[in-house]
Amino acid sequence: MFVLGIDPGLSRCGYGAVRRVADGQGRVAGGLRRGAGGLEAVAAGVITTPPDEALPDRLAALGDELALLLAQLRPDVVAVERVLFQTNARTAMAVGQASGLALAAAARSRVAVVQYSPNEVKLAVTGYGSATKAQVQAMVQSMLGLADRPRPADVADALALAICHLGAAPLAARVAAAEAQERRSERRRARTLA
């Protein structure tokens, strides 16, 4: 599975693409720039927009860059940080607008989208939902086998989003399969009783 994590922001929008690498026999392979579990960072960076430009122009530029990124990387899934709370209303609006652009760009590209809260990501990556930015950076570095901590924090957060989904996806798939099986069983029981 190949996941693109997006840490939305209007001034700085972090992105990080991670995949789980397996050898020809389905086993996870280790190697250069691969960390625990065969995770490999494929791309990471920050999309910036000039703060002195008009808001519509900044949003258009960010939307164009996100569409280009999706076209180039062609991820299986896009994981976007869910906007929950910001102390500054202006920051909250900008993050919400950037998040909406990321969700819409993924939908237009016909890519599955998932959202995780910051606490869910921190818990998945560090084991502690209130981890600091430095702790997240250190764990992302370790999990991906990177030589240096990913910087800025927006990049580390985006990579952490992708790692979070790679960890959560197998369980979510098993739960969905079990629920589908239960619905089929209920329909069979209902037909038998009818």
N, C-alpha and C. Protein backbone atom coordinates (compact mmCIF):
# COMPACT_ATOMS: atom_id res chain seq x y z
N MET A 1 0.85 -1.17 0.00
CA MET A 1 0.00 0.00 0.00
C MET A 1 0.90 1.24 0.00
N PHE A 2 0.47 2.24 -0.73
CA PHE A 2 1.23 3.49 -0.90
C PHE A 2 0.34 4.63 -0.42
N VAL A 3 0.78 5.34 0.62
CA VAL A 3 -0.05 6.35 1.28
C VAL A 3 0.64 7.71 1.21
N LEU A 4 -0.14 8.72 0.85
CA LEU A 4 0.32 10.10 0.87
C LEU A 4 -0.31 10.79 2.07
N GLY A 5 0.52 11.22 3.01
CA GLY A 5 0.03 11.97 4.16
C GLY A 5 0.11 13.45 3.87
N ILE A 6 -0.93 14.18 4.28
CA ILE A 6 -0.96 15.63 4.08
C ILE A 6 -1.28 16.31 5.40
N ASP A 7 -0.35 17.18 5.83
CA ASP A 7 -0.54 18.02 7.01
C ASP A 7 -0.95 19.39 6.49
N PRO A 8 -2.26 19.67 6.45
CA PRO A 8 -2.73 20.86 5.75
C PRO A 8 -2.34 22.17 6.42
N GLY A 9 -2.07 23.14 5.58
CA GLY A 9 -1.77 24.49 6.02
C GLY A 9 -1.71 25.38 4.80
N LEU A 10 -2.07 26.62 4.96
CA LEU A 10 -2.05 27.53 3.82
C LEU A 10 -0.66 28.09 3.56
N SER A 11 0.05 28.45 4.61
CA SER A 11 1.42 28.95 4.45
C SER A 11 2.39 27.81 4.18
N ARG A 12 2.22 26.70 4.94
CA ARG A 12 3.06 25.52 4.78
C ARG A 12 2.17 24.28 4.84
N CYS A 13 2.13 23.55 3.76
CA CYS A 13 1.35 22.31 3.68
C CYS A 13 2.35 21.17 3.53
N GLY A 14 2.49 20.37 4.59
CA GLY A 14 3.45 19.27 4.55
C GLY A 14 2.88 18.07 3.82
N TYR A 15 3.75 17.35 3.13
CA TYR A 15 3.34 16.09 2.50
C TYR A 15 4.42 15.05 2.70
N GLY A 16 3.99 13.81 2.78
CA GLY A 16 4.93 12.70 2.94
C GLY A 16 4.31 11.43 2.40
N ALA A 17 5.01 10.77 1.51
CA ALA A 17 4.52 9.54 0.89
C ALA A 17 5.33 8.36 1.43
N VAL A 18 4.63 7.35 1.90
CA VAL A 18 5.26 6.18 2.50
C VAL A 18 4.61 4.93 1.93
N ARG A 19 5.45 3.93 1.70
CA ARG A 19 4.89 2.65 1.25
C ARG A 19 5.50 1.53 2.07
N ARG A 20 4.76 0.45 2.15
CA ARG A 20 5.25 -0.77 2.77
C ARG A 20 5.81 -1.61 1.65
N VAL A 21 7.06 -2.00 1.77
CA VAL A 21 7.75 -2.72 0.71
C VAL A 21 7.82 -4.19 1.07
N ALA A 22 7.44 -5.04 0.12
CA ALA A 22 7.50 -6.49 0.33
C ALA A 22 8.35 -7.11 -0.77
N ASP A 23 9.00 -8.23 -0.44
CA ASP A 23 9.78 -8.92 -1.47
C ASP A 23 8.85 -9.77 -2.34
N GLY A 24 9.38 -10.51 -3.26
CA GLY A 24 8.58 -11.30 -4.21
C GLY A 24 7.73 -12.37 -3.56
N GLN A 25 8.06 -12.78 -2.33
CA GLN A 25 7.28 -13.82 -1.67
C GLN A 25 6.29 -13.25 -0.67
N GLY A 26 6.06 -11.94 -0.73
CA GLY A 26 5.08 -11.33 0.14
C GLY A 26 5.62 -10.95 1.52
N ARG A 27 6.90 -11.20 1.77
CA ARG A 27 7.48 -10.82 3.04
C ARG A 27 7.98 -9.39 2.95
N VAL A 28 7.93 -8.71 4.07
CA VAL A 28 8.44 -7.34 4.10
C VAL A 28 9.95 -7.38 4.02
N ALA A 29 10.50 -6.55 3.16
CA ALA A 29 11.95 -6.52 2.95
C ALA A 29 12.56 -5.31 3.64
N GLY A 30 13.76 -5.48 4.18
CA GLY A 30 14.48 -4.37 4.78
C GLY A 30 15.44 -3.81 3.74
N GLY A 31 16.23 -2.84 4.12
CA GLY A 31 17.22 -2.31 3.19
C GLY A 31 17.46 -0.84 3.40
N LEU A 32 18.19 -0.26 2.50
CA LEU A 32 18.56 1.14 2.58
C LEU A 32 17.32 2.02 2.63
N ARG A 33 17.31 2.97 3.57
CA ARG A 33 16.22 3.94 3.76
C ARG A 33 14.91 3.28 4.09
N ARG A 34 14.97 2.06 4.60
CA ARG A 34 13.74 1.42 5.04
C ARG A 34 13.87 1.17 6.53
N GLY A 35 12.82 1.43 7.22
CA GLY A 35 12.84 1.24 8.65
C GLY A 35 12.11 -0.02 9.04
N ALA A 36 11.69 -0.05 10.28
CA ALA A 36 10.98 -1.21 10.83
C ALA A 36 9.73 -1.50 10.03
N GLY A 37 9.46 -2.77 9.79
CA GLY A 37 8.26 -3.15 9.07
C GLY A 37 8.33 -2.90 7.59
N GLY A 38 9.52 -2.62 7.07
CA GLY A 38 9.66 -2.42 5.63
C GLY A 38 9.02 -1.14 5.13
N LEU A 39 8.92 -0.13 5.99
CA LEU A 39 8.35 1.15 5.56
C LEU A 39 9.42 1.95 4.84
N GLU A 40 9.03 2.58 3.74
CA GLU A 40 9.96 3.36 2.95
C GLU A 40 9.37 4.72 2.63
N ALA A 41 10.14 5.78 2.91
CA ALA A 41 9.73 7.12 2.53
C ALA A 41 10.03 7.30 1.04
N VAL A 42 9.00 7.67 0.28
CA VAL A 42 9.15 7.83 -1.16
C VAL A 42 9.34 9.30 -1.52
N ALA A 43 8.61 10.17 -0.86
CA ALA A 43 8.71 11.61 -1.13
C ALA A 43 8.25 12.37 0.11
N ALA A 44 8.80 13.54 0.31
CA ALA A 44 8.39 14.39 1.43
C ALA A 44 8.80 15.82 1.14
N GLY A 45 8.01 16.74 1.63
CA GLY A 45 8.33 18.14 1.44
C GLY A 45 7.24 19.05 1.95
N VAL A 46 7.36 20.30 1.59
CA VAL A 46 6.40 21.31 2.02
C VAL A 46 6.00 22.14 0.80
N ILE A 47 4.72 22.35 0.65
CA ILE A 47 4.20 23.27 -0.36
C ILE A 47 3.96 24.59 0.37
N THR A 48 4.54 25.66 -0.14
CA THR A 48 4.37 26.96 0.50
C THR A 48 3.64 27.91 -0.44
N THR A 49 2.96 28.87 0.19
CA THR A 49 2.34 29.95 -0.58
C THR A 49 2.78 31.26 0.05
N PRO A 50 3.04 32.28 -0.77
CA PRO A 50 3.51 33.57 -0.24
C PRO A 50 2.41 34.28 0.56
N PRO A 51 2.70 34.63 1.80
CA PRO A 51 1.68 35.27 2.64
C PRO A 51 1.24 36.65 2.15
N ASP A 52 2.02 37.28 1.28
CA ASP A 52 1.66 38.61 0.79
C ASP A 52 0.72 38.56 -0.41
N GLU A 53 0.45 37.36 -0.93
CA GLU A 53 -0.50 37.24 -2.05
C GLU A 53 -1.93 37.18 -1.54
N ALA A 54 -2.87 37.47 -2.41
CA ALA A 54 -4.29 37.43 -2.06
C ALA A 54 -4.72 35.99 -1.76
N LEU A 55 -5.64 35.83 -0.83
CA LEU A 55 -6.10 34.52 -0.40
C LEU A 55 -6.57 33.64 -1.57
N PRO A 56 -7.39 34.14 -2.49
CA PRO A 56 -7.81 33.28 -3.60
C PRO A 56 -6.63 32.77 -4.43
N ASP A 57 -5.62 33.61 -4.63
CA ASP A 57 -4.45 33.19 -5.40
C ASP A 57 -3.66 32.11 -4.65
N ARG A 58 -3.54 32.28 -3.35
CA ARG A 58 -2.82 31.29 -2.54
C ARG A 58 -3.55 29.95 -2.56
N LEU A 59 -4.88 30.00 -2.43
CA LEU A 59 -5.67 28.76 -2.46
C LEU A 59 -5.57 28.09 -3.82
N ALA A 60 -5.62 28.88 -4.88
CA ALA A 60 -5.50 28.31 -6.23
C ALA A 60 -4.13 27.66 -6.41
N ALA A 61 -3.08 28.32 -5.96
CA ALA A 61 -1.73 27.76 -6.09
C ALA A 61 -1.59 26.47 -5.29
N LEU A 62 -2.11 26.45 -4.08
CA LEU A 62 -2.05 25.25 -3.25
C LEU A 62 -2.85 24.11 -3.89
N GLY A 63 -4.03 24.43 -4.39
CA GLY A 63 -4.84 23.41 -5.07
C GLY A 63 -4.14 22.82 -6.28
N ASP A 64 -3.50 23.68 -7.06
CA ASP A 64 -2.76 23.22 -8.24
C ASP A 64 -1.60 22.32 -7.84
N GLU A 65 -0.86 22.71 -6.81
CA GLU A 65 0.29 21.91 -6.34
C GLU A 65 -0.16 20.56 -5.80
N LEU A 66 -1.26 20.53 -5.07
CA LEU A 66 -1.78 19.26 -4.55
C LEU A 66 -2.21 18.34 -5.69
N ALA A 67 -2.87 18.90 -6.70
CA ALA A 67 -3.30 18.09 -7.85
C ALA A 67 -2.09 17.53 -8.58
N LEU A 68 -1.07 18.34 -8.74
CA LEU A 68 0.16 17.89 -9.41
C LEU A 68 0.84 16.79 -8.59
N LEU A 69 0.89 16.97 -7.30
CA LEU A 69 1.50 15.97 -6.41
C LEU A 69 0.77 14.63 -6.52
N LEU A 70 -0.54 14.67 -6.51
CA LEU A 70 -1.34 13.44 -6.65
C LEU A 70 -1.12 12.78 -8.00
N ALA A 71 -1.03 13.58 -9.05
CA ALA A 71 -0.81 13.03 -10.39
C ALA A 71 0.57 12.39 -10.50
N GLN A 72 1.56 13.00 -9.87
CA GLN A 72 2.92 12.47 -9.95
C GLN A 72 3.09 11.21 -9.09
N LEU A 73 2.58 11.23 -7.88
CA LEU A 73 2.81 10.13 -6.95
C LEU A 73 1.83 8.97 -7.11
N ARG A 74 0.59 9.26 -7.48
CA ARG A 74 -0.45 8.25 -7.65
C ARG A 74 -0.58 7.32 -6.44
N PRO A 75 -0.88 7.89 -5.27
CA PRO A 75 -1.01 7.07 -4.07
C PRO A 75 -2.29 6.23 -4.11
N ASP A 76 -2.29 5.18 -3.29
CA ASP A 76 -3.50 4.37 -3.13
C ASP A 76 -4.49 5.07 -2.20
N VAL A 77 -3.96 5.78 -1.24
CA VAL A 77 -4.76 6.44 -0.20
C VAL A 77 -4.11 7.77 0.15
N VAL A 78 -4.95 8.76 0.47
CA VAL A 78 -4.46 10.03 1.00
C VAL A 78 -4.96 10.14 2.44
N ALA A 79 -4.02 10.35 3.36
CA ALA A 79 -4.35 10.53 4.78
C ALA A 79 -4.17 12.01 5.12
N VAL A 80 -5.25 12.65 5.55
CA VAL A 80 -5.23 14.08 5.83
C VAL A 80 -5.48 14.29 7.32
N GLU A 81 -4.73 15.20 7.92
CA GLU A 81 -4.97 15.49 9.34
C GLU A 81 -6.31 16.18 9.50
N ARG A 82 -7.11 15.65 10.41
CA ARG A 82 -8.44 16.20 10.69
C ARG A 82 -8.27 17.48 11.51
N VAL A 83 -8.93 18.54 11.10
CA VAL A 83 -8.87 19.80 11.81
C VAL A 83 -9.87 19.73 12.95
N LEU A 84 -9.35 19.80 14.18
CA LEU A 84 -10.22 19.71 15.35
C LEU A 84 -10.34 21.03 16.08
N PHE A 85 -9.22 21.63 16.39
CA PHE A 85 -9.26 22.83 17.23
C PHE A 85 -8.00 23.64 17.01
N GLN A 86 -8.15 24.91 16.91
CA GLN A 86 -7.03 25.84 16.85
C GLN A 86 -7.35 26.99 17.80
N THR A 87 -6.37 27.48 18.52
CA THR A 87 -6.61 28.59 19.43
C THR A 87 -6.80 29.90 18.67
N ASN A 88 -6.21 30.00 17.50
CA ASN A 88 -6.30 31.21 16.69
C ASN A 88 -7.32 30.96 15.58
N ALA A 89 -8.40 31.75 15.55
CA ALA A 89 -9.46 31.55 14.56
C ALA A 89 -8.94 31.73 13.13
N ARG A 90 -8.03 32.65 12.93
CA ARG A 90 -7.48 32.89 11.59
C ARG A 90 -6.69 31.66 11.11
N THR A 91 -5.90 31.08 12.01
CA THR A 91 -5.14 29.87 11.68
C THR A 91 -6.10 28.72 11.39
N ALA A 92 -7.13 28.60 12.20
CA ALA A 92 -8.11 27.53 12.01
C ALA A 92 -8.77 27.62 10.64
N MET A 93 -9.11 28.82 10.21
CA MET A 93 -9.73 29.00 8.89
C MET A 93 -8.76 28.59 7.79
N ALA A 94 -7.51 29.00 7.89
CA ALA A 94 -6.52 28.69 6.86
C ALA A 94 -6.27 27.18 6.79
N VAL A 95 -6.17 26.55 7.95
CA VAL A 95 -5.95 25.09 7.98
C VAL A 95 -7.18 24.38 7.42
N GLY A 96 -8.37 24.85 7.77
CA GLY A 96 -9.60 24.25 7.24
C GLY A 96 -9.70 24.38 5.73
N GLN A 97 -9.33 25.54 5.21
CA GLN A 97 -9.36 25.74 3.76
C GLN A 97 -8.35 24.82 3.06
N ALA A 98 -7.15 24.71 3.61
CA ALA A 98 -6.13 23.84 3.02
C ALA A 98 -6.57 22.38 3.10
N SER A 99 -7.19 22.00 4.21
CA SER A 99 -7.68 20.63 4.37
C SER A 99 -8.75 20.32 3.32
N GLY A 100 -9.66 21.27 3.11
CA GLY A 100 -10.70 21.08 2.11
C GLY A 100 -10.12 20.92 0.71
N LEU A 101 -9.09 21.68 0.40
CA LEU A 101 -8.43 21.54 -0.90
C LEU A 101 -7.81 20.15 -1.05
N ALA A 102 -7.17 19.65 0.01
CA ALA A 102 -6.55 18.32 -0.05
C ALA A 102 -7.61 17.24 -0.24
N LEU A 103 -8.71 17.35 0.49
CA LEU A 103 -9.79 16.36 0.35
C LEU A 103 -10.39 16.39 -1.05
N ALA A 104 -10.61 17.60 -1.57
CA ALA A 104 -11.20 17.73 -2.91
C ALA A 104 -10.24 17.24 -3.99
N ALA A 105 -8.96 17.55 -3.86
CA ALA A 105 -7.97 17.10 -4.85
C ALA A 105 -7.91 15.57 -4.89
N ALA A 106 -7.94 14.95 -3.73
CA ALA A 106 -7.91 13.48 -3.68
C ALA A 106 -9.18 12.91 -4.31
N ALA A 107 -10.33 13.50 -3.99
CA ALA A 107 -11.59 13.01 -4.56
C ALA A 107 -11.59 13.15 -6.09
N ARG A 108 -11.11 14.28 -6.60
CA ARG A 108 -11.04 14.47 -8.05
C ARG A 108 -10.11 13.47 -8.70
N SER A 109 -9.07 13.06 -7.97
CA SER A 109 -8.12 12.07 -8.50
C SER A 109 -8.60 10.64 -8.29
N ARG A 110 -9.78 10.49 -7.71
CA ARG A 110 -10.37 9.16 -7.45
C ARG A 110 -9.48 8.32 -6.52
N VAL A 111 -8.92 8.99 -5.51
CA VAL A 111 -8.07 8.34 -4.53
C VAL A 111 -8.85 8.28 -3.21
N ALA A 112 -8.80 7.15 -2.54
CA ALA A 112 -9.46 7.01 -1.24
C ALA A 112 -8.86 8.00 -0.26
N VAL A 113 -9.69 8.54 0.63
CA VAL A 113 -9.25 9.53 1.60
C VAL A 113 -9.64 9.07 2.99
N VAL A 114 -8.71 9.23 3.93
CA VAL A 114 -8.98 8.98 5.34
C VAL A 114 -8.50 10.20 6.12
N GLN A 115 -9.07 10.39 7.30
CA GLN A 115 -8.65 11.49 8.15
C GLN A 115 -8.34 10.95 9.54
N TYR A 116 -7.32 11.51 10.14
CA TYR A 116 -6.93 11.14 11.50
C TYR A 116 -6.71 12.42 12.29
N SER A 117 -7.07 12.38 13.57
CA SER A 117 -6.81 13.51 14.44
C SER A 117 -5.33 13.53 14.81
N PRO A 118 -4.83 14.68 15.22
CA PRO A 118 -3.42 14.74 15.64
C PRO A 118 -3.12 13.73 16.76
N ASN A 119 -4.03 13.56 17.71
CA ASN A 119 -3.79 12.61 18.80
C ASN A 119 -3.75 11.17 18.31
N GLU A 120 -4.60 10.82 17.34
CA GLU A 120 -4.56 9.46 16.78
C GLU A 120 -3.21 9.20 16.11
N VAL A 121 -2.70 10.19 15.40
CA VAL A 121 -1.41 10.04 14.71
C VAL A 121 -0.29 9.89 15.72
N LYS A 122 -0.27 10.75 16.73
CA LYS A 122 0.77 10.68 17.75
C LYS A 122 0.74 9.34 18.48
N LEU A 123 -0.45 8.87 18.79
CA LEU A 123 -0.59 7.58 19.47
C LEU A 123 -0.07 6.45 18.59
N ALA A 124 -0.39 6.48 17.31
CA ALA A 124 0.04 5.42 16.38
C ALA A 124 1.55 5.41 16.20
N VAL A 125 2.16 6.58 16.19
CA VAL A 125 3.59 6.67 15.87
C VAL A 125 4.47 6.58 17.12
N THR A 126 4.03 7.20 18.22
CA THR A 126 4.88 7.23 19.42
C THR A 126 4.35 6.38 20.57
N GLY A 127 3.07 6.00 20.49
CA GLY A 127 2.46 5.27 21.61
C GLY A 127 1.90 6.20 22.67
N TYR A 128 1.93 7.52 22.42
CA TYR A 128 1.47 8.51 23.38
C TYR A 128 0.76 9.63 22.63
N GLY A 129 -0.53 9.81 22.91
CA GLY A 129 -1.35 10.76 22.17
C GLY A 129 -1.03 12.22 22.38
N SER A 130 -0.20 12.53 23.38
CA SER A 130 0.19 13.92 23.64
C SER A 130 1.68 14.13 23.40
N ALA A 131 2.26 13.33 22.52
CA ALA A 131 3.69 13.44 22.23
C ALA A 131 4.03 14.82 21.67
N THR A 132 5.27 15.22 21.88
CA THR A 132 5.74 16.51 21.36
C THR A 132 6.12 16.37 19.89
N LYS A 133 6.30 17.51 19.24
CA LYS A 133 6.75 17.51 17.84
C LYS A 133 8.10 16.79 17.72
N ALA A 134 8.99 17.05 18.66
CA ALA A 134 10.32 16.41 18.61
C ALA A 134 10.21 14.89 18.74
N GLN A 135 9.30 14.41 19.59
CA GLN A 135 9.12 12.97 19.75
C GLN A 135 8.57 12.35 18.47
N VAL A 136 7.63 13.03 17.82
CA VAL A 136 7.09 12.54 16.55
C VAL A 136 8.19 12.50 15.50
N GLN A 137 8.98 13.56 15.42
CA GLN A 137 10.08 13.60 14.44
C GLN A 137 11.06 12.45 14.67
N ALA A 138 11.40 12.20 15.93
CA ALA A 138 12.35 11.12 16.25
C ALA A 138 11.79 9.75 15.88
N MET A 139 10.53 9.52 16.16
CA MET A 139 9.93 8.22 15.83
C MET A 139 9.77 8.03 14.33
N VAL A 140 9.40 9.08 13.61
CA VAL A 140 9.29 8.99 12.15
C VAL A 140 10.66 8.68 11.57
N GLN A 141 11.69 9.34 12.07
CA GLN A 141 13.05 9.07 11.61
C GLN A 141 13.40 7.60 11.82
N SER A 142 13.10 7.09 13.01
CA SER A 142 13.42 5.70 13.33
C SER A 142 12.61 4.72 12.49
N MET A 143 11.30 4.95 12.37
CA MET A 143 10.43 4.02 11.65
C MET A 143 10.74 3.96 10.16
N LEU A 144 11.23 5.06 9.61
CA LEU A 144 11.53 5.09 8.18
C LEU A 144 13.01 4.88 7.89
N GLY A 145 13.80 4.74 8.92
CA GLY A 145 15.24 4.53 8.74
C GLY A 145 15.92 5.71 8.07
N LEU A 146 15.51 6.93 8.43
CA LEU A 146 16.07 8.14 7.83
C LEU A 146 17.36 8.54 8.54
N ALA A 147 18.28 9.12 7.82
CA ALA A 147 19.55 9.57 8.40
C ALA A 147 19.33 10.74 9.36
N ASP A 148 18.38 11.62 9.06
CA ASP A 148 18.12 12.80 9.88
C ASP A 148 16.64 12.87 10.21
N ARG A 149 16.33 13.64 11.24
CA ARG A 149 14.94 13.88 11.58
C ARG A 149 14.29 14.69 10.45
N PRO A 150 13.08 14.32 10.05
CA PRO A 150 12.41 15.11 9.00
C PRO A 150 12.05 16.50 9.51
N ARG A 151 12.40 17.49 8.72
CA ARG A 151 12.13 18.89 9.07
C ARG A 151 11.60 19.60 7.85
N PRO A 152 10.76 20.59 8.01
CA PRO A 152 10.19 21.07 9.27
C PRO A 152 9.17 20.10 9.83
N ALA A 153 8.56 20.47 10.95
CA ALA A 153 7.60 19.59 11.62
C ALA A 153 6.44 19.21 10.70
N ASP A 154 6.10 20.07 9.74
CA ASP A 154 5.00 19.77 8.81
C ASP A 154 5.30 18.50 8.01
N VAL A 155 6.56 18.32 7.63
CA VAL A 155 6.97 17.12 6.88
C VAL A 155 6.88 15.89 7.77
N ALA A 156 7.38 16.00 9.00
CA ALA A 156 7.31 14.88 9.94
C ALA A 156 5.85 14.50 10.21
N ASP A 157 4.99 15.50 10.38
CA ASP A 157 3.57 15.22 10.64
C ASP A 157 2.92 14.52 9.44
N ALA A 158 3.26 14.93 8.24
CA ALA A 158 2.70 14.30 7.04
C ALA A 158 3.17 12.85 6.92
N LEU A 159 4.46 12.62 7.15
CA LEU A 159 4.97 11.24 7.13
C LEU A 159 4.30 10.41 8.22
N ALA A 160 4.10 11.01 9.39
CA ALA A 160 3.44 10.31 10.50
C ALA A 160 2.00 9.94 10.14
N LEU A 161 1.31 10.81 9.42
CA LEU A 161 -0.04 10.49 8.96
C LEU A 161 -0.04 9.25 8.07
N ALA A 162 0.90 9.19 7.14
CA ALA A 162 1.00 8.03 6.26
C ALA A 162 1.32 6.77 7.05
N ILE A 163 2.26 6.86 8.00
CA ILE A 163 2.61 5.71 8.83
C ILE A 163 1.41 5.27 9.66
N CYS A 164 0.67 6.22 10.20
CA CYS A 164 -0.53 5.92 10.99
C CYS A 164 -1.51 5.10 10.16
N HIS A 165 -1.74 5.51 8.93
CA HIS A 165 -2.70 4.77 8.10
C HIS A 165 -2.18 3.39 7.74
N LEU A 166 -0.90 3.28 7.47
CA LEU A 166 -0.34 1.96 7.15
C LEU A 166 -0.50 1.01 8.33
N GLY A 167 -0.49 1.53 9.54
CA GLY A 167 -0.72 0.70 10.71
C GLY A 167 -2.18 0.41 10.94
N ALA A 168 -3.06 1.36 10.65
CA ALA A 168 -4.49 1.20 10.91
C ALA A 168 -5.23 0.46 9.82
N ALA A 169 -4.76 0.52 8.59
CA ALA A 169 -5.49 -0.05 7.45
C ALA A 169 -5.76 -1.55 7.57
N PRO A 170 -4.79 -2.38 7.98
CA PRO A 170 -5.08 -3.82 8.07
C PRO A 170 -6.22 -4.13 9.04
N LEU A 171 -6.23 -3.47 10.20
CA LEU A 171 -7.30 -3.71 11.16
C LEU A 171 -8.63 -3.22 10.61
N ALA A 172 -8.64 -2.05 9.99
CA ALA A 172 -9.88 -1.51 9.41
C ALA A 172 -10.42 -2.45 8.34
N ALA A 173 -9.54 -3.04 7.54
CA ALA A 173 -9.97 -3.98 6.50
C ALA A 173 -10.57 -5.24 7.13
N ARG A 174 -9.96 -5.74 8.20
CA ARG A 174 -10.50 -6.93 8.87
C ARG A 174 -11.86 -6.65 9.49
N VAL A 175 -12.00 -5.47 10.11
CA VAL A 175 -13.29 -5.10 10.70
C VAL A 175 -14.36 -4.99 9.62
N ALA A 176 -14.03 -4.35 8.50
CA ALA A 176 -14.99 -4.21 7.40
C ALA A 176 -15.38 -5.57 6.84
N ALA A 177 -14.42 -6.48 6.71
CA ALA A 177 -14.71 -7.83 6.20
C ALA A 177 -15.61 -8.58 7.18
N ALA A 178 -15.36 -8.44 8.47
CA ALA A 178 -16.18 -9.12 9.48
C ALA A 178 -17.60 -8.55 9.48
N GLU A 179 -17.72 -7.23 9.34
CA GLU A 179 -19.05 -6.62 9.29
C GLU A 179 -19.81 -7.07 8.05
N ALA A 180 -19.12 -7.15 6.91
CA ALA A 180 -19.77 -7.62 5.67
C ALA A 180 -20.21 -9.07 5.82
N GLN A 181 -19.39 -9.89 6.43
CA GLN A 181 -19.74 -11.29 6.66
C GLN A 181 -20.96 -11.39 7.58
N GLU A 182 -21.01 -10.58 8.60
CA GLU A 182 -22.14 -10.58 9.53
C GLU A 182 -23.42 -10.16 8.81
N ARG A 183 -23.36 -9.16 7.93
CA ARG A 183 -24.54 -8.74 7.18
C ARG A 183 -25.02 -9.87 6.26
N ARG A 184 -24.08 -10.57 5.61
CA ARG A 184 -24.47 -11.69 4.75
C ARG A 184 -25.13 -12.79 5.57
N SER A 185 -24.60 -13.07 6.74
CA SER A 185 -25.18 -14.10 7.61
C SER A 185 -26.58 -13.70 8.07
N GLU A 186 -26.76 -12.44 8.41
CA GLU A 186 -28.08 -11.95 8.83
C GLU A 186 -29.09 -12.07 7.69
N ARG A 187 -28.67 -11.76 6.45
CA ARG A 187 -29.59 -11.89 5.31
C ARG A 187 -29.97 -13.35 5.09
N ARG A 188 -29.00 -14.26 5.23
CA ARG A 188 -29.30 -15.70 5.07
C ARG A 188 -30.27 -16.16 6.15
N ARG A 189 -30.06 -15.72 7.40
CA ARG A 189 -30.96 -16.09 8.49
C ARG A 189 -32.36 -15.55 8.23
N ALA A 190 -32.44 -14.31 7.74
CA ALA A 190 -33.74 -13.70 7.47
C ALA A 190 -34.48 -14.46 6.36
N ARG A 191 -33.72 -14.90 5.32
CA ARG A 191 -34.38 -15.68 4.25
C ARG A 191 -34.83 -17.03 4.76
N THR A 192 -34.06 -17.63 5.64
CA THR A 192 -34.42 -18.94 6.18
C THR A 192 -35.66 -18.83 7.02
N LEU A 193 -35.82 -17.76 7.78
CA LEU A 193 -36.98 -17.58 8.65
C LEU A 193 -38.22 -17.16 7.88
N ALA A 194 -38.04 -16.61 6.69
CA ALA A 194 -39.18 -16.10 5.91
C ALA A 194 -39.99 -17.19 5.27
